[in-house]
Amino acid sequence: MVGVAPRTVPGGGSFDGALGVLCSLEAVAANGPRPLTQRMVVFRDEEGWRFGRGCFGSRAVCGQLAEHEHEHELEAEDSGGVSVGAALAALAIEPGGSPGGLPASYVELHLEQGPELERQGLALGEVSAIAGMAGFTIEFTGLPGHAGTVPMTARRDALTAAAEFVLSIRDTALRIPGAVATVGELRIAEPATNVIPGRVALSLDLRAPEAERLSSLADAVPAVADGAAMAAGCAATAVATWRLAPVAMSDRVRTAIRDGAAAAGHPIAVLPSGAGHDAGILAAAGVEAGMLFVRSQNGGASHRPDELTDEADVAAAIEVLIATLATLAGC
């Protein structure tokens, strides 16, 4: 099976996900009928920005929709009040596991979404592992008040607490090699220009290359939130919303990718993925999974309109993908 994911972030580029769709179509068509069935799958909502949890399509295929979330994940709603279940019903999609069972192997082609291949001057990368990641929702509760009449020393400003948390969790991540922490969404309840924020909620995305490092960062979140809240005279709640362990790619699939690149005369780098991918879900479910990265230009720009790759790099990736699929199919 060869897997891809369409673009799913607001303001994103033209290659994230879409590149894999088109390259996979070319590769499967070029291989033609094989003794072992080849299928292409396009997973929906890998990024998770709409409903708050990613890799929905691959988790559905693996029968994991309620495994990491509360029991009613299909009731989660987007900002417009549309639930996951309603969105699926509108598309005439019934959530559930793969009717034909999981594939024997899985290959995902994707834009690198980082600068490493461009730095090395290489078109292609073979992914060794996918970083672990965890999500939190943090809420700070203070006391709203008049912007002109409450003295600075008497304020319980929830936004001040949130700002302190953002800086503190950044510093915490900097102390853990390879770890990253991102606050990508911050919401002030009932915002007004002349009102001290009384309640602020934010999203937190944590990532690390090893399980121990991810745990170290995630375990620190409640204390960091409480410390930031206390300094501002506020209260804090930190709720873990999802978590994915780091996962290694299959040696068999990795070898097939490397052999395909060597046969085509394309040098290939070996690098981990800091971004999450559906390949990680399949690998964790026991499928022999691997990934082929294509060089991202403009300094590895991704989730931005200036995301870019090169036609020659894409052609090389298709060539390697064709060879990889043929090897895995035993041809």
C-alpha atoms as a PDB file:
ATOM      1  CA  MET A   1       0.000   0.000   0.000  1.00  0.00           C
ATOM      2  CA  VAL A   2       1.207   3.495  -0.753  1.00  0.00           C
ATOM      3  CA  GLY A   3      -0.202   6.286   1.387  1.00  0.00           C
ATOM      4  CA  VAL A   4      -0.655  10.030   1.043  1.00  0.00           C
ATOM      5  CA  ALA A   5      -2.470  12.863   2.786  1.00  0.00           C
ATOM      6  CA  PRO A   6      -4.023  15.954   1.125  1.00  0.00           C
ATOM      7  CA  ARG A   7      -3.266  19.482   2.299  1.00  0.00           C
ATOM      8  CA  THR A   8      -5.242  20.179   5.453  1.00  0.00           C
ATOM      9  CA  VAL A   9      -3.909  23.363   7.100  1.00  0.00           C
ATOM     10  CA  PRO A  10      -5.183  26.903   6.521  1.00  0.00           C
ATOM     11  CA  GLY A  11      -2.724  29.034   4.576  1.00  0.00           C
ATOM     12  CA  GLY A  12      -0.587  26.010   3.724  1.00  0.00           C
ATOM     13  CA  GLY A  13       1.378  25.368   0.571  1.00  0.00           C
ATOM     14  CA  SER A  14       0.628  23.392  -2.576  1.00  0.00           C
ATOM     15  CA  PHE A  15       2.903  20.402  -1.937  1.00  0.00           C
ATOM     16  CA  ASP A  16       2.145  19.203   1.607  1.00  0.00           C
ATOM     17  CA  GLY A  17       0.118  16.049   1.009  1.00  0.00           C
ATOM     18  CA  ALA A  18      -0.794  16.858  -2.592  1.00  0.00           C
ATOM     19  CA  LEU A  19       2.717  15.906  -3.744  1.00  0.00           C
ATOM     20  CA  GLY A  20       2.258  12.414  -2.347  1.00  0.00           C
ATOM     21  CA  VAL A  21      -1.122  12.031  -4.034  1.00  0.00           C
ATOM     22  CA  LEU A  22       0.198  12.773  -7.508  1.00  0.00           C
ATOM     23  CA  CYS A  23       3.470  10.883  -7.140  1.00  0.00           C
ATOM     24  CA  SER A  24       1.642   7.816  -5.863  1.00  0.00           C
ATOM     25  CA  LEU A  25      -0.771   7.867  -8.786  1.00  0.00           C
ATOM     26  CA  GLU A  26       2.198   7.902 -11.157  1.00  0.00           C
ATOM     27  CA  ALA A  27       4.032   5.114  -9.331  1.00  0.00           C
ATOM     28  CA  VAL A  28       1.075   2.757  -9.027  1.00  0.00           C
ATOM     29  CA  ALA A  29       0.131   3.305 -12.674  1.00  0.00           C
ATOM     30  CA  ALA A  30       3.717   2.676 -13.789  1.00  0.00           C
ATOM     31  CA  ASN A  31       3.933  -0.605 -11.881  1.00  0.00           C
ATOM     32  CA  GLY A  32       0.721  -1.948 -13.390  1.00  0.00           C
ATOM     33  CA  PRO A  33      -0.755  -5.329 -12.335  1.00  0.00           C
ATOM     34  CA  ARG A  34       1.399  -7.179  -9.813  1.00  0.00           C
ATOM     35  CA  PRO A  35       1.191 -10.619  -8.173  1.00  0.00           C
ATOM     36  CA  LEU A  36       0.496  -8.851  -4.896  1.00  0.00           C
ATOM     37  CA  THR A  37      -2.168  -6.147  -4.874  1.00  0.00           C
ATOM     38  CA  GLN A  38      -1.020  -2.536  -4.727  1.00  0.00           C
ATOM     39  CA  ARG A  39      -3.451   0.044  -3.450  1.00  0.00           C
ATOM     40  CA  MET A  40      -3.292   3.761  -2.998  1.00  0.00           C
ATOM     41  CA  VAL A  41      -4.995   5.411  -0.046  1.00  0.00           C
ATOM     42  CA  VAL A  42      -5.559   9.126   0.544  1.00  0.00           C
ATOM     43  CA  PHE A  43      -6.047   9.744   4.267  1.00  0.00           C
ATOM     44  CA  ARG A  44      -8.209  12.629   5.423  1.00  0.00           C
ATOM     45  CA  ASP A  45      -7.350  15.112   8.196  1.00  0.00           C
ATOM     46  CA  GLU A  46      -3.785  14.097   8.956  1.00  0.00           C
ATOM     47  CA  GLU A  47      -3.019  17.513  10.444  1.00  0.00           C
ATOM     48  CA  GLY A  48      -6.026  17.619  12.762  1.00  0.00           C
ATOM     49  CA  TRP A  49      -6.453  21.397  12.752  1.00  0.00           C
ATOM     50  CA  ARG A  50     -10.226  21.223  12.209  1.00  0.00           C
ATOM     51  CA  PHE A  51     -11.251  18.931  15.076  1.00  0.00           C
ATOM     52  CA  GLY A  52      -8.156  19.042  17.282  1.00  0.00           C
ATOM     53  CA  ARG A  53      -6.665  15.583  16.736  1.00  0.00           C
ATOM     54  CA  GLY A  54      -4.614  14.469  13.753  1.00  0.00           C
ATOM     55  CA  CYS A  55      -4.188  11.333  11.649  1.00  0.00           C
ATOM     56  CA  PHE A  56      -7.930  10.716  11.645  1.00  0.00           C
ATOM     57  CA  GLY A  57      -7.992   8.668   8.439  1.00  0.00           C
ATOM     58  CA  SER A  58      -5.121   6.369   9.340  1.00  0.00           C
ATOM     59  CA  ARG A  59      -6.425   5.887  12.874  1.00  0.00           C
ATOM     60  CA  ALA A  60      -9.825   4.988  11.416  1.00  0.00           C
ATOM     61  CA  VAL A  61      -8.238   2.386   9.151  1.00  0.00           C
ATOM     62  CA  CYS A  62      -6.434   0.937  12.181  1.00  0.00           C
ATOM     63  CA  GLY A  63      -9.589   0.968  14.301  1.00  0.00           C
ATOM     64  CA  GLN A  64      -8.153   3.471  16.782  1.00  0.00           C
ATOM     65  CA  LEU A  65     -10.681   6.289  16.832  1.00  0.00           C
ATOM     66  CA  ALA A  66     -11.471   5.936  20.527  1.00  0.00           C
ATOM     67  CA  GLU A  67      -8.157   4.502  21.693  1.00  0.00           C
ATOM     68  CA  HIS A  68      -6.325   7.731  22.561  1.00  0.00           C
ATOM     69  CA  GLU A  69      -9.263  10.102  22.993  1.00  0.00           C
ATOM     70  CA  HIS A  70     -12.446  10.146  25.043  1.00  0.00           C
ATOM     71  CA  GLU A  71     -15.049   7.563  24.068  1.00  0.00           C
ATOM     72  CA  HIS A  72     -17.022   9.938  21.855  1.00  0.00           C
ATOM     73  CA  GLU A  73     -14.435  11.297  19.454  1.00  0.00           C
ATOM     74  CA  LEU A  74     -17.036  11.453  16.666  1.00  0.00           C
ATOM     75  CA  GLU A  75     -18.853  14.103  18.742  1.00  0.00           C
ATOM     76  CA  ALA A  76     -15.881  16.502  18.711  1.00  0.00           C
ATOM     77  CA  GLU A  77     -16.843  19.739  16.954  1.00  0.00           C
ATOM     78  CA  ASP A  78     -15.017  22.256  14.789  1.00  0.00           C
ATOM     79  CA  SER A  79     -15.206  26.021  15.270  1.00  0.00           C
ATOM     80  CA  GLY A  80     -18.481  26.093  13.339  1.00  0.00           C
ATOM     81  CA  GLY A  81     -20.160  23.530  15.558  1.00  0.00           C
ATOM     82  CA  VAL A  82     -19.976  20.691  13.005  1.00  0.00           C
ATOM     83  CA  SER A  83     -19.124  17.358  14.607  1.00  0.00           C
ATOM     84  CA  VAL A  84     -16.767  14.729  13.219  1.00  0.00           C
ATOM     85  CA  GLY A  85     -19.708  12.371  12.813  1.00  0.00           C
ATOM     86  CA  ALA A  86     -21.743  14.958  10.895  1.00  0.00           C
ATOM     87  CA  ALA A  87     -18.802  15.762   8.609  1.00  0.00           C
ATOM     88  CA  LEU A  88     -18.349  12.072   7.830  1.00  0.00           C
ATOM     89  CA  ALA A  89     -22.072  11.591   7.216  1.00  0.00           C
ATOM     90  CA  ALA A  90     -22.057  14.478   4.734  1.00  0.00           C
ATOM     91  CA  LEU A  91     -19.375  12.599   2.805  1.00  0.00           C
ATOM     92  CA  ALA A  92     -21.267   9.296   3.098  1.00  0.00           C
ATOM     93  CA  ILE A  93     -18.321   7.828   5.038  1.00  0.00           C
ATOM     94  CA  GLU A  94     -18.854   5.226   7.745  1.00  0.00           C
ATOM     95  CA  PRO A  95     -15.932   5.238  10.223  1.00  0.00           C
ATOM     96  CA  GLY A  96     -14.343   1.905  11.006  1.00  0.00           C
ATOM     97  CA  GLY A  97     -11.385  -0.333  10.364  1.00  0.00           C
ATOM     98  CA  SER A  98     -10.119  -1.327   6.947  1.00  0.00           C
ATOM     99  CA  PRO A  99     -12.547  -3.913   5.493  1.00  0.00           C
ATOM    100  CA  GLY A 100      -9.698  -5.792   3.828  1.00  0.00           C
ATOM    101  CA  GLY A 101      -7.454  -5.714   6.875  1.00  0.00           C
ATOM    102  CA  LEU A 102      -4.213  -3.812   7.227  1.00  0.00           C
ATOM    103  CA  PRO A 103      -1.628  -3.931   4.435  1.00  0.00           C
ATOM    104  CA  ALA A 104       1.546  -5.999   4.588  1.00  0.00           C
ATOM    105  CA  SER A 105       3.605  -2.873   3.945  1.00  0.00           C
ATOM    106  CA  TYR A 106       3.081   0.850   3.520  1.00  0.00           C
ATOM    107  CA  VAL A 107       5.117   3.588   1.839  1.00  0.00           C
ATOM    108  CA  GLU A 108       4.403   7.295   2.219  1.00  0.00           C
ATOM    109  CA  LEU A 109       5.973   9.926  -0.013  1.00  0.00           C
ATOM    110  CA  HIS A 110       6.014  13.429   1.431  1.00  0.00           C
ATOM    111  CA  LEU A 111       7.675  16.803   1.195  1.00  0.00           C
ATOM    112  CA  GLU A 112      10.387  16.951   3.860  1.00  0.00           C
ATOM    113  CA  GLN A 113       8.848  20.023   5.570  1.00  0.00           C
ATOM    114  CA  GLY A 114      12.298  20.947   6.853  1.00  0.00           C
ATOM    115  CA  PRO A 115      15.651  22.285   5.608  1.00  0.00           C
ATOM    116  CA  GLU A 116      17.943  19.264   6.020  1.00  0.00           C
ATOM    117  CA  LEU A 117      17.847  17.908   2.444  1.00  0.00           C
ATOM    118  CA  GLU A 118      18.370  21.377   1.024  1.00  0.00           C
ATOM    119  CA  ARG A 119      21.328  21.871   3.389  1.00  0.00           C
ATOM    120  CA  GLN A 120      22.877  18.579   2.287  1.00  0.00           C
ATOM    121  CA  GLY A 121      22.250  19.271  -1.396  1.00  0.00           C
ATOM    122  CA  LEU A 122      20.240  16.054  -1.811  1.00  0.00           C
ATOM    123  CA  ALA A 123      16.894  15.543  -3.489  1.00  0.00           C
ATOM    124  CA  LEU A 124      15.687  12.572  -1.455  1.00  0.00           C
ATOM    125  CA  GLY A 125      15.594  11.360   2.128  1.00  0.00           C
ATOM    126  CA  GLU A 126      14.803   8.009   3.702  1.00  0.00           C
ATOM    127  CA  VAL A 127      13.045   8.388   7.050  1.00  0.00           C
ATOM    128  CA  SER A 128      14.484   6.456   9.983  1.00  0.00           C
ATOM    129  CA  ALA A 129      11.795   7.258  12.575  1.00  0.00           C
ATOM    130  CA  ILE A 130       8.944   9.619  13.381  1.00  0.00           C
ATOM    131  CA  ALA A 131       9.160  11.748  16.499  1.00  0.00           C
ATOM    132  CA  GLY A 132       6.786  11.306  19.409  1.00  0.00           C
ATOM    133  CA  MET A 133       4.299  14.054  20.095  1.00  0.00           C
ATOM    134  CA  ALA A 134       1.700  15.118  22.625  1.00  0.00           C
ATOM    135  CA  GLY A 135      -1.031  17.720  22.796  1.00  0.00           C
ATOM    136  CA  PHE A 136      -2.400  19.715  25.717  1.00  0.00           C
ATOM    137  CA  THR A 137      -5.103  22.288  26.282  1.00  0.00           C
ATOM    138  CA  ILE A 138      -4.107  24.842  28.924  1.00  0.00           C
ATOM    139  CA  GLU A 139      -6.581  27.258  30.494  1.00  0.00           C
ATOM    140  CA  PHE A 140      -5.750  30.198  32.727  1.00  0.00           C
ATOM    141  CA  THR A 141      -8.455  31.787  34.874  1.00  0.00           C
ATOM    142  CA  GLY A 142      -7.995  35.194  36.450  1.00  0.00           C
ATOM    143  CA  LEU A 143     -10.388  38.069  37.066  1.00  0.00           C
ATOM    144  CA  PRO A 144     -11.704  40.406  34.361  1.00  0.00           C
ATOM    145  CA  GLY A 145     -11.656  44.082  35.171  1.00  0.00           C
ATOM    146  CA  HIS A 146     -11.627  47.598  33.777  1.00  0.00           C
ATOM    147  CA  ALA A 147      -8.464  48.391  31.826  1.00  0.00           C
ATOM    148  CA  GLY A 148      -8.293  51.910  33.206  1.00  0.00           C
ATOM    149  CA  THR A 149      -9.192  51.503  36.850  1.00  0.00           C
ATOM    150  CA  VAL A 150      -7.553  48.299  38.143  1.00  0.00           C
ATOM    151  CA  PRO A 151      -3.942  49.008  39.274  1.00  0.00           C
ATOM    152  CA  MET A 152      -1.243  46.882  37.700  1.00  0.00           C
ATOM    153  CA  THR A 153      -0.288  45.455  41.085  1.00  0.00           C
ATOM    154  CA  ALA A 154      -3.846  44.310  41.769  1.00  0.00           C
ATOM    155  CA  ARG A 155      -4.544  42.584  38.493  1.00  0.00           C
ATOM    156  CA  ARG A 156      -5.220  38.887  37.930  1.00  0.00           C
ATOM    157  CA  ASP A 157      -4.577  38.975  34.189  1.00  0.00           C
ATOM    158  CA  ALA A 158      -5.090  35.572  32.535  1.00  0.00           C
ATOM    159  CA  LEU A 159      -3.286  36.701  29.401  1.00  0.00           C
ATOM    160  CA  THR A 160      -0.215  37.647  31.441  1.00  0.00           C
ATOM    161  CA  ALA A 161      -0.234  34.116  32.873  1.00  0.00           C
ATOM    162  CA  ALA A 162      -0.565  32.638  29.383  1.00  0.00           C
ATOM    163  CA  ALA A 163       2.294  34.770  28.088  1.00  0.00           C
ATOM    164  CA  GLU A 164       4.537  33.681  30.955  1.00  0.00           C
ATOM    165  CA  PHE A 165       3.631  30.049  30.237  1.00  0.00           C
ATOM    166  CA  VAL A 166       4.557  30.351  26.549  1.00  0.00           C
ATOM    167  CA  LEU A 167       8.023  31.630  27.451  1.00  0.00           C
ATOM    168  CA  SER A 168       8.528  29.135  30.270  1.00  0.00           C
ATOM    169  CA  ILE A 169       7.559  26.072  28.226  1.00  0.00           C
ATOM    170  CA  ARG A 170       9.878  27.300  25.480  1.00  0.00           C
ATOM    171  CA  ASP A 171      12.744  27.398  27.966  1.00  0.00           C
ATOM    172  CA  THR A 172      11.801  23.952  29.262  1.00  0.00           C
ATOM    173  CA  ALA A 173      11.942  22.491  25.745  1.00  0.00           C
ATOM    174  CA  LEU A 174      15.314  24.133  25.097  1.00  0.00           C
ATOM    175  CA  ARG A 175      16.776  22.144  27.988  1.00  0.00           C
ATOM    176  CA  ILE A 176      15.756  18.810  26.405  1.00  0.00           C
ATOM    177  CA  PRO A 177      17.849  17.869  23.324  1.00  0.00           C
ATOM    178  CA  GLY A 178      15.749  17.617  20.177  1.00  0.00           C
ATOM    179  CA  ALA A 179      12.507  18.617  21.901  1.00  0.00           C
ATOM    180  CA  VAL A 180      10.193  21.345  20.641  1.00  0.00           C
ATOM    181  CA  ALA A 181       7.137  23.056  22.138  1.00  0.00           C
ATOM    182  CA  THR A 182       4.645  25.144  20.173  1.00  0.00           C
ATOM    183  CA  VAL A 183       1.655  27.219  21.184  1.00  0.00           C
ATOM    184  CA  GLY A 184      -0.211  27.565  17.917  1.00  0.00           C
ATOM    185  CA  GLU A 185      -3.576  28.778  19.142  1.00  0.00           C
ATOM    186  CA  LEU A 186      -4.545  31.175  21.934  1.00  0.00           C
ATOM    187  CA  ARG A 187      -8.096  32.268  22.718  1.00  0.00           C
ATOM    188  CA  ILE A 188      -9.233  35.079  25.010  1.00  0.00           C
ATOM    189  CA  ALA A 189     -12.751  34.535  26.340  1.00  0.00           C
ATOM    190  CA  GLU A 190     -15.002  37.531  25.599  1.00  0.00           C
ATOM    191  CA  PRO A 191     -12.146  39.749  24.367  1.00  0.00           C
ATOM    192  CA  ALA A 192     -12.480  43.533  24.480  1.00  0.00           C
ATOM    193  CA  THR A 193      -9.890  46.275  24.095  1.00  0.00           C
ATOM    194  CA  ASN A 194     -10.676  47.829  27.482  1.00  0.00           C
ATOM    195  CA  VAL A 195     -11.142  44.676  29.568  1.00  0.00           C
ATOM    196  CA  ILE A 196      -8.429  42.775  31.442  1.00  0.00           C
ATOM    197  CA  PRO A 197      -8.613  39.164  30.158  1.00  0.00           C
ATOM    198  CA  GLY A 198     -10.216  36.930  32.766  1.00  0.00           C
ATOM    199  CA  ARG A 199      -9.895  33.601  30.966  1.00  0.00           C
ATOM    200  CA  VAL A 200      -7.456  32.435  28.294  1.00  0.00           C
ATOM    201  CA  ALA A 201      -7.107  28.995  26.686  1.00  0.00           C
ATOM    202  CA  LEU A 202      -4.260  27.825  24.492  1.00  0.00           C
ATOM    203  CA  SER A 203      -3.140  24.756  22.586  1.00  0.00           C
ATOM    204  CA  LEU A 204       0.239  23.148  23.204  1.00  0.00           C
ATOM    205  CA  ASP A 205       2.054  20.846  20.784  1.00  0.00           C
ATOM    206  CA  LEU A 206       5.074  18.944  22.148  1.00  0.00           C
ATOM    207  CA  ARG A 207       7.494  16.800  20.155  1.00  0.00           C
ATOM    208  CA  ALA A 208      10.668  14.852  20.883  1.00  0.00           C
ATOM    209  CA  PRO A 209      12.678  12.143  19.079  1.00  0.00           C
ATOM    210  CA  GLU A 210      12.635   9.683  21.992  1.00  0.00           C
ATOM    211  CA  ALA A 211       9.917   8.536  24.390  1.00  0.00           C
ATOM    212  CA  GLU A 212      11.905   9.500  27.487  1.00  0.00           C
ATOM    213  CA  ARG A 213      12.463  13.041  26.247  1.00  0.00           C
ATOM    214  CA  LEU A 214       8.813  13.436  25.301  1.00  0.00           C
ATOM    215  CA  SER A 215       7.750  12.217  28.746  1.00  0.00           C
ATOM    216  CA  SER A 216      10.177  14.597  30.423  1.00  0.00           C
ATOM    217  CA  LEU A 217       8.696  17.540  28.553  1.00  0.00           C
ATOM    218  CA  ALA A 218       5.065  16.466  28.937  1.00  0.00           C
ATOM    219  CA  ASP A 219       5.458  15.734  32.647  1.00  0.00           C
ATOM    220  CA  ALA A 220       6.703  19.287  33.200  1.00  0.00           C
ATOM    221  CA  VAL A 221       3.629  20.953  31.681  1.00  0.00           C
ATOM    222  CA  PRO A 222       1.338  21.072  34.768  1.00  0.00           C
ATOM    223  CA  ALA A 223       4.043  22.556  36.983  1.00  0.00           C
ATOM    224  CA  VAL A 224       5.029  25.114  34.348  1.00  0.00           C
ATOM    225  CA  ALA A 225       1.379  26.121  33.948  1.00  0.00           C
ATOM    226  CA  ASP A 226       0.846  26.393  37.722  1.00  0.00           C
ATOM    227  CA  GLY A 227       3.988  28.497  38.104  1.00  0.00           C
ATOM    228  CA  ALA A 228       2.933  30.896  35.361  1.00  0.00           C
ATOM    229  CA  ALA A 229      -0.559  31.166  36.843  1.00  0.00           C
ATOM    230  CA  MET A 230       0.690  31.784  40.380  1.00  0.00           C
ATOM    231  CA  ALA A 231       2.947  34.609  39.232  1.00  0.00           C
ATOM    232  CA  ALA A 232      -0.076  36.378  37.757  1.00  0.00           C
ATOM    233  CA  GLY A 233      -2.488  35.622  40.597  1.00  0.00           C
ATOM    234  CA  CYS A 234      -4.445  33.198  38.436  1.00  0.00           C
ATOM    235  CA  ALA A 235      -5.367  29.514  38.362  1.00  0.00           C
ATOM    236  CA  ALA A 236      -4.432  27.001  35.663  1.00  0.00           C
ATOM    237  CA  THR A 237      -5.657  23.683  34.334  1.00  0.00           C
ATOM    238  CA  ALA A 238      -3.596  21.521  31.974  1.00  0.00           C
ATOM    239  CA  VAL A 239      -5.395  18.709  30.164  1.00  0.00           C
ATOM    240  CA  ALA A 240      -3.533  16.170  28.025  1.00  0.00           C
ATOM    241  CA  THR A 241      -5.621  15.686  24.865  1.00  0.00           C
ATOM    242  CA  TRP A 242      -3.579  13.247  22.789  1.00  0.00           C
ATOM    243  CA  ARG A 243      -0.240  11.501  22.594  1.00  0.00           C
ATOM    244  CA  LEU A 244       1.701   9.470  20.035  1.00  0.00           C
ATOM    245  CA  ALA A 245       4.868   7.590  20.910  1.00  0.00           C
ATOM    246  CA  PRO A 246       7.972   7.831  18.691  1.00  0.00           C
ATOM    247  CA  VAL A 247       7.998   5.044  16.131  1.00  0.00           C
ATOM    248  CA  ALA A 248      10.774   3.548  14.001  1.00  0.00           C
ATOM    249  CA  MET A 249      10.289   2.809  10.331  1.00  0.00           C
ATOM    250  CA  SER A 250      10.528  -0.765   9.030  1.00  0.00           C
ATOM    251  CA  ASP A 251      14.006  -2.037   8.154  1.00  0.00           C
ATOM    252  CA  ARG A 252      12.539  -3.943   5.205  1.00  0.00           C
ATOM    253  CA  VAL A 253      10.842  -0.875   3.717  1.00  0.00           C
ATOM    254  CA  ARG A 254      13.853   1.311   4.424  1.00  0.00           C
ATOM    255  CA  THR A 255      16.090  -1.154   2.595  1.00  0.00           C
ATOM    256  CA  ALA A 256      13.710  -1.214  -0.372  1.00  0.00           C
ATOM    257  CA  ILE A 257      13.809   2.587  -0.553  1.00  0.00           C
ATOM    258  CA  ARG A 258      17.609   2.706  -0.345  1.00  0.00           C
ATOM    259  CA  ASP A 259      18.005  -0.043  -2.944  1.00  0.00           C
ATOM    260  CA  GLY A 260      15.607   1.733  -5.276  1.00  0.00           C
ATOM    261  CA  ALA A 261      17.556   4.962  -4.921  1.00  0.00           C
ATOM    262  CA  ALA A 262      20.883   3.200  -5.519  1.00  0.00           C
ATOM    263  CA  ALA A 263      19.588   1.409  -8.611  1.00  0.00           C
ATOM    264  CA  ALA A 264      18.391   4.727 -10.047  1.00  0.00           C
ATOM    265  CA  GLY A 265      21.654   6.462  -9.175  1.00  0.00           C
ATOM    266  CA  HIS A 266      20.113   8.895  -6.699  1.00  0.00           C
ATOM    267  CA  PRO A 267      22.037   9.557  -3.468  1.00  0.00           C
ATOM    268  CA  ILE A 268      19.736   9.565  -0.459  1.00  0.00           C
ATOM    269  CA  ALA A 269      19.997  10.962   3.050  1.00  0.00           C
ATOM    270  CA  VAL A 270      18.839   9.223   6.206  1.00  0.00           C
ATOM    271  CA  LEU A 271      16.963  11.477   8.615  1.00  0.00           C
ATOM    272  CA  PRO A 272      14.191  11.378  11.228  1.00  0.00           C
ATOM    273  CA  SER A 273      10.868  13.144  10.835  1.00  0.00           C
ATOM    274  CA  GLY A 274       9.952  15.801  13.364  1.00  0.00           C
ATOM    275  CA  ALA A 275       6.512  16.035  11.788  1.00  0.00           C
ATOM    276  CA  GLY A 276       3.852  13.435  12.413  1.00  0.00           C
ATOM    277  CA  HIS A 277       2.629  11.301   9.552  1.00  0.00           C
ATOM    278  CA  ASP A 278       0.105   8.565   8.888  1.00  0.00           C
ATOM    279  CA  ALA A 279       3.057   6.224   8.429  1.00  0.00           C
ATOM    280  CA  GLY A 280       3.611   6.446  12.178  1.00  0.00           C
ATOM    281  CA  ILE A 281       0.068   5.257  12.878  1.00  0.00           C
ATOM    282  CA  LEU A 282       0.417   2.300  10.512  1.00  0.00           C
ATOM    283  CA  ALA A 283       3.834   1.411  11.947  1.00  0.00           C
ATOM    284  CA  ALA A 284       2.531   1.490  15.508  1.00  0.00           C
ATOM    285  CA  ALA A 285      -0.272  -0.845  14.417  1.00  0.00           C
ATOM    286  CA  GLY A 286       2.279  -3.418  13.248  1.00  0.00           C
ATOM    287  CA  VAL A 287       2.472  -2.587   9.553  1.00  0.00           C
ATOM    288  CA  GLU A 288       5.919  -2.502   7.923  1.00  0.00           C
ATOM    289  CA  ALA A 289       5.964   1.204   7.081  1.00  0.00           C
ATOM    290  CA  GLY A 290       8.467   3.593   5.550  1.00  0.00           C
ATOM    291  CA  MET A 291       8.686   7.111   4.178  1.00  0.00           C
ATOM    292  CA  LEU A 292      10.418   8.807   1.269  1.00  0.00           C
ATOM    293  CA  PHE A 293      11.087  12.526   1.678  1.00  0.00           C
ATOM    294  CA  VAL A 294      11.445  14.960  -1.225  1.00  0.00           C
ATOM    295  CA  ARG A 295      13.574  18.086  -0.826  1.00  0.00           C
ATOM    296  CA  SER A 296      11.740  21.205   0.309  1.00  0.00           C
ATOM    297  CA  GLN A 297      13.107  24.482  -1.027  1.00  0.00           C
ATOM    298  CA  ASN A 298      12.967  27.997   0.419  1.00  0.00           C
ATOM    299  CA  GLY A 299      14.743  26.819   3.554  1.00  0.00           C
ATOM    300  CA  GLY A 300      12.396  23.885   4.033  1.00  0.00           C
ATOM    301  CA  ALA A 301       9.284  26.059   4.095  1.00  0.00           C
ATOM    302  CA  SER A 302       6.125  24.177   5.028  1.00  0.00           C
ATOM    303  CA  HIS A 303       2.637  25.098   6.225  1.00  0.00           C
ATOM    304  CA  ARG A 304       3.280  28.330   4.304  1.00  0.00           C
ATOM    305  CA  PRO A 305       2.243  29.514   0.823  1.00  0.00           C
ATOM    306  CA  ASP A 306       5.885  29.638  -0.356  1.00  0.00           C
ATOM    307  CA  GLU A 307       6.313  25.880   0.117  1.00  0.00           C
ATOM    308  CA  LEU A 308       8.214  24.609  -2.928  1.00  0.00           C
ATOM    309  CA  THR A 309      10.053  21.687  -4.474  1.00  0.00           C
ATOM    310  CA  ASP A 310      11.685  21.017  -7.831  1.00  0.00           C
ATOM    311  CA  GLU A 311      10.427  19.055 -10.848  1.00  0.00           C
ATOM    312  CA  ALA A 312      13.678  17.100 -11.102  1.00  0.00           C
ATOM    313  CA  ASP A 313      13.436  16.128  -7.430  1.00  0.00           C
ATOM    314  CA  VAL A 314       9.853  14.996  -7.928  1.00  0.00           C
ATOM    315  CA  ALA A 315      10.833  12.908 -10.954  1.00  0.00           C
ATOM    316  CA  ALA A 316      13.603  11.242  -8.931  1.00  0.00           C
ATOM    317  CA  ALA A 317      11.164  10.515  -6.089  1.00  0.00           C
ATOM    318  CA  ILE A 318       8.684   8.868  -8.461  1.00  0.00           C
ATOM    319  CA  GLU A 319      11.449   6.722  -9.918  1.00  0.00           C
ATOM    320  CA  VAL A 320      12.496   5.529  -6.464  1.00  0.00           C
ATOM    321  CA  LEU A 321       8.900   4.987  -5.365  1.00  0.00           C
ATOM    322  CA  ILE A 322       8.214   2.802  -8.417  1.00  0.00           C
ATOM    323  CA  ALA A 323      11.224   0.637  -7.615  1.00  0.00           C
ATOM    324  CA  THR A 324      10.325   0.474  -3.918  1.00  0.00           C
ATOM    325  CA  LEU A 325       6.784  -0.713  -4.576  1.00  0.00           C
ATOM    326  CA  ALA A 326       8.007  -3.315  -7.050  1.00  0.00           C
ATOM    327  CA  THR A 327      10.462  -4.682  -4.478  1.00  0.00           C
ATOM    328  CA  LEU A 328       7.861  -4.840  -1.710  1.00  0.00           C
ATOM    329  CA  ALA A 329       5.419  -6.566  -4.063  1.00  0.00           C
ATOM    330  CA  GLY A 330       8.034  -9.242  -4.761  1.00  0.00           C
ATOM    331  CA  CYS A 331       8.513  -8.344  -8.402  1.00  0.00           C
END
